[in-house]
Amino acid sequence: MLSLGLNPSPEVAMELDRLNSIVARTFFFGAFLLLAIAVIEKLLNVLDASIPGVTVAPSKLLEWAVILLVFVIALLLRQIREAQKTKHV
């Protein structure tokens, strides 16, 4: 089969897997941090207060958290696909 350089060496593949894992974890924890801030901000808004320095609506924070979680899901699905590919080869 013709190789177009799309199959990285094992060392590069391991570094990409490590980077993928770090990014997925960072996005995951960032999403939950945004979720916590959104919930706290909404509760404070009900009490007619606000977190100092937060100028974004809680709904927008929630949207950002969901976007990060979608990227985490995509990264995890990619890892699963790669694991299945190496298992079958």
C-alpha atoms as a PDB file:
ATOM      1  CA  MET A   1       0.000   0.000   0.000  1.00  0.00           C
ATOM      2  CA  LEU A   2       1.222   3.494  -0.819  1.00  0.00           C
ATOM      3  CA  SER A   3       2.399   5.379   2.250  1.00  0.00           C
ATOM      4  CA  LEU A   4       1.905   9.111   2.196  1.00  0.00           C
ATOM      5  CA  GLY A   5       3.718   9.677   5.469  1.00  0.00           C
ATOM      6  CA  LEU A   6       0.487   9.525   7.464  1.00  0.00           C
ATOM      7  CA  ASN A   7       1.718   6.726   9.708  1.00  0.00           C
ATOM      8  CA  PRO A   8       4.033   8.294  12.283  1.00  0.00           C
ATOM      9  CA  SER A   9       6.884   6.409  13.860  1.00  0.00           C
ATOM     10  CA  PRO A  10       6.143   4.686  17.193  1.00  0.00           C
ATOM     11  CA  GLU A  11       7.939   7.439  19.130  1.00  0.00           C
ATOM     12  CA  VAL A  12       5.922  10.187  17.466  1.00  0.00           C
ATOM     13  CA  ALA A  13       2.708   8.189  17.882  1.00  0.00           C
ATOM     14  CA  MET A  14       3.381   7.801  21.600  1.00  0.00           C
ATOM     15  CA  GLU A  15       3.988  11.543  21.947  1.00  0.00           C
ATOM     16  CA  LEU A  16       0.749  12.254  20.063  1.00  0.00           C
ATOM     17  CA  ASP A  17      -1.136   9.860  22.353  1.00  0.00           C
ATOM     18  CA  ARG A  18       0.332  11.588  25.397  1.00  0.00           C
ATOM     19  CA  LEU A  19      -0.562  15.027  24.031  1.00  0.00           C
ATOM     20  CA  ASN A  20      -4.056  13.779  23.190  1.00  0.00           C
ATOM     21  CA  SER A  21      -4.487  12.505  26.735  1.00  0.00           C
ATOM     22  CA  ILE A  22      -3.270  15.765  28.284  1.00  0.00           C
ATOM     23  CA  VAL A  23      -5.568  17.857  26.090  1.00  0.00           C
ATOM     24  CA  ALA A  24      -8.566  15.619  26.815  1.00  0.00           C
ATOM     25  CA  ARG A  25      -7.994  15.799  30.582  1.00  0.00           C
ATOM     26  CA  THR A  26      -7.451  19.559  30.498  1.00  0.00           C
ATOM     27  CA  PHE A  27     -10.623  20.144  28.474  1.00  0.00           C
ATOM     28  CA  PHE A  28     -12.576  17.777  30.750  1.00  0.00           C
ATOM     29  CA  PHE A  29     -11.545  19.549  33.948  1.00  0.00           C
ATOM     30  CA  GLY A  30     -11.982  22.944  32.289  1.00  0.00           C
ATOM     31  CA  ALA A  31     -15.526  21.999  31.286  1.00  0.00           C
ATOM     32  CA  PHE A  32     -16.410  21.018  34.840  1.00  0.00           C
ATOM     33  CA  LEU A  33     -14.848  24.199  36.175  1.00  0.00           C
ATOM     34  CA  LEU A  34     -16.978  26.232  33.763  1.00  0.00           C
ATOM     35  CA  LEU A  35     -20.027  24.198  34.781  1.00  0.00           C
ATOM     36  CA  ALA A  36     -19.374  24.880  38.473  1.00  0.00           C
ATOM     37  CA  ILE A  37     -18.898  28.603  37.834  1.00  0.00           C
ATOM     38  CA  ALA A  38     -22.116  28.691  35.768  1.00  0.00           C
ATOM     39  CA  VAL A  39     -24.137  26.985  38.508  1.00  0.00           C
ATOM     40  CA  ILE A  40     -22.717  29.200  41.243  1.00  0.00           C
ATOM     41  CA  GLU A  41     -23.277  32.329  39.147  1.00  0.00           C
ATOM     42  CA  LYS A  42     -26.881  31.328  38.417  1.00  0.00           C
ATOM     43  CA  LEU A  43     -27.556  30.670  42.110  1.00  0.00           C
ATOM     44  CA  LEU A  44     -26.052  34.032  42.988  1.00  0.00           C
ATOM     45  CA  ASN A  45     -28.107  35.727  40.254  1.00  0.00           C
ATOM     46  CA  VAL A  46     -31.252  34.305  41.843  1.00  0.00           C
ATOM     47  CA  LEU A  47     -30.151  35.969  45.093  1.00  0.00           C
ATOM     48  CA  ASP A  48     -29.493  39.215  43.171  1.00  0.00           C
ATOM     49  CA  ALA A  49     -25.711  38.919  43.472  1.00  0.00           C
ATOM     50  CA  SER A  50     -22.840  38.009  41.166  1.00  0.00           C
ATOM     51  CA  ILE A  51     -19.317  36.652  41.201  1.00  0.00           C
ATOM     52  CA  PRO A  52     -16.951  39.633  40.948  1.00  0.00           C
ATOM     53  CA  GLY A  53     -15.126  39.603  37.638  1.00  0.00           C
ATOM     54  CA  VAL A  54     -17.544  37.286  35.844  1.00  0.00           C
ATOM     55  CA  THR A  55     -19.194  39.330  33.134  1.00  0.00           C
ATOM     56  CA  VAL A  56     -20.498  36.401  31.117  1.00  0.00           C
ATOM     57  CA  ALA A  57     -23.992  34.976  31.472  1.00  0.00           C
ATOM     58  CA  PRO A  58     -24.227  31.532  33.085  1.00  0.00           C
ATOM     59  CA  SER A  59     -25.822  30.161  29.911  1.00  0.00           C
ATOM     60  CA  LYS A  60     -22.776  31.208  27.891  1.00  0.00           C
ATOM     61  CA  LEU A  61     -20.476  29.513  30.417  1.00  0.00           C
ATOM     62  CA  LEU A  62     -22.571  26.376  30.068  1.00  0.00           C
ATOM     63  CA  GLU A  63     -22.284  26.557  26.266  1.00  0.00           C
ATOM     64  CA  TRP A  64     -18.493  26.764  26.529  1.00  0.00           C
ATOM     65  CA  ALA A  65     -18.460  23.760  28.868  1.00  0.00           C
ATOM     66  CA  VAL A  66     -20.503  21.731  26.386  1.00  0.00           C
ATOM     67  CA  ILE A  67     -18.185  22.702  23.534  1.00  0.00           C
ATOM     68  CA  LEU A  68     -15.183  21.499  25.529  1.00  0.00           C
ATOM     69  CA  LEU A  69     -16.958  18.225  26.331  1.00  0.00           C
ATOM     70  CA  VAL A  70     -17.740  17.672  22.636  1.00  0.00           C
ATOM     71  CA  PHE A  71     -14.016  17.977  21.896  1.00  0.00           C
ATOM     72  CA  VAL A  72     -13.248  15.527  24.720  1.00  0.00           C
ATOM     73  CA  ILE A  73     -15.724  13.045  23.265  1.00  0.00           C
ATOM     74  CA  ALA A  74     -14.146  13.422  19.820  1.00  0.00           C
ATOM     75  CA  LEU A  75     -10.654  12.850  21.240  1.00  0.00           C
ATOM     76  CA  LEU A  76     -11.796   9.777  23.175  1.00  0.00           C
ATOM     77  CA  LEU A  77     -13.534   8.328  20.123  1.00  0.00           C
ATOM     78  CA  ARG A  78     -10.334   8.839  18.152  1.00  0.00           C
ATOM     79  CA  GLN A  79      -8.371   6.973  20.833  1.00  0.00           C
ATOM     80  CA  ILE A  80     -10.883   4.123  20.745  1.00  0.00           C
ATOM     81  CA  ARG A  81     -10.672   3.941  16.949  1.00  0.00           C
ATOM     82  CA  GLU A  82      -6.874   3.830  17.056  1.00  0.00           C
ATOM     83  CA  ALA A  83      -6.943   1.113  19.713  1.00  0.00           C
ATOM     84  CA  GLN A  84      -9.382  -0.956  17.643  1.00  0.00           C
ATOM     85  CA  LYS A  85      -7.265  -0.438  14.541  1.00  0.00           C
ATOM     86  CA  THR A  86      -4.093  -1.699  16.238  1.00  0.00           C
ATOM     87  CA  LYS A  87      -5.988  -4.636  17.766  1.00  0.00           C
ATOM     88  CA  HIS A  88      -7.190  -5.856  14.378  1.00  0.00           C
ATOM     89  CA  VAL A  89      -3.880  -5.429  12.561  1.00  0.00           C
END
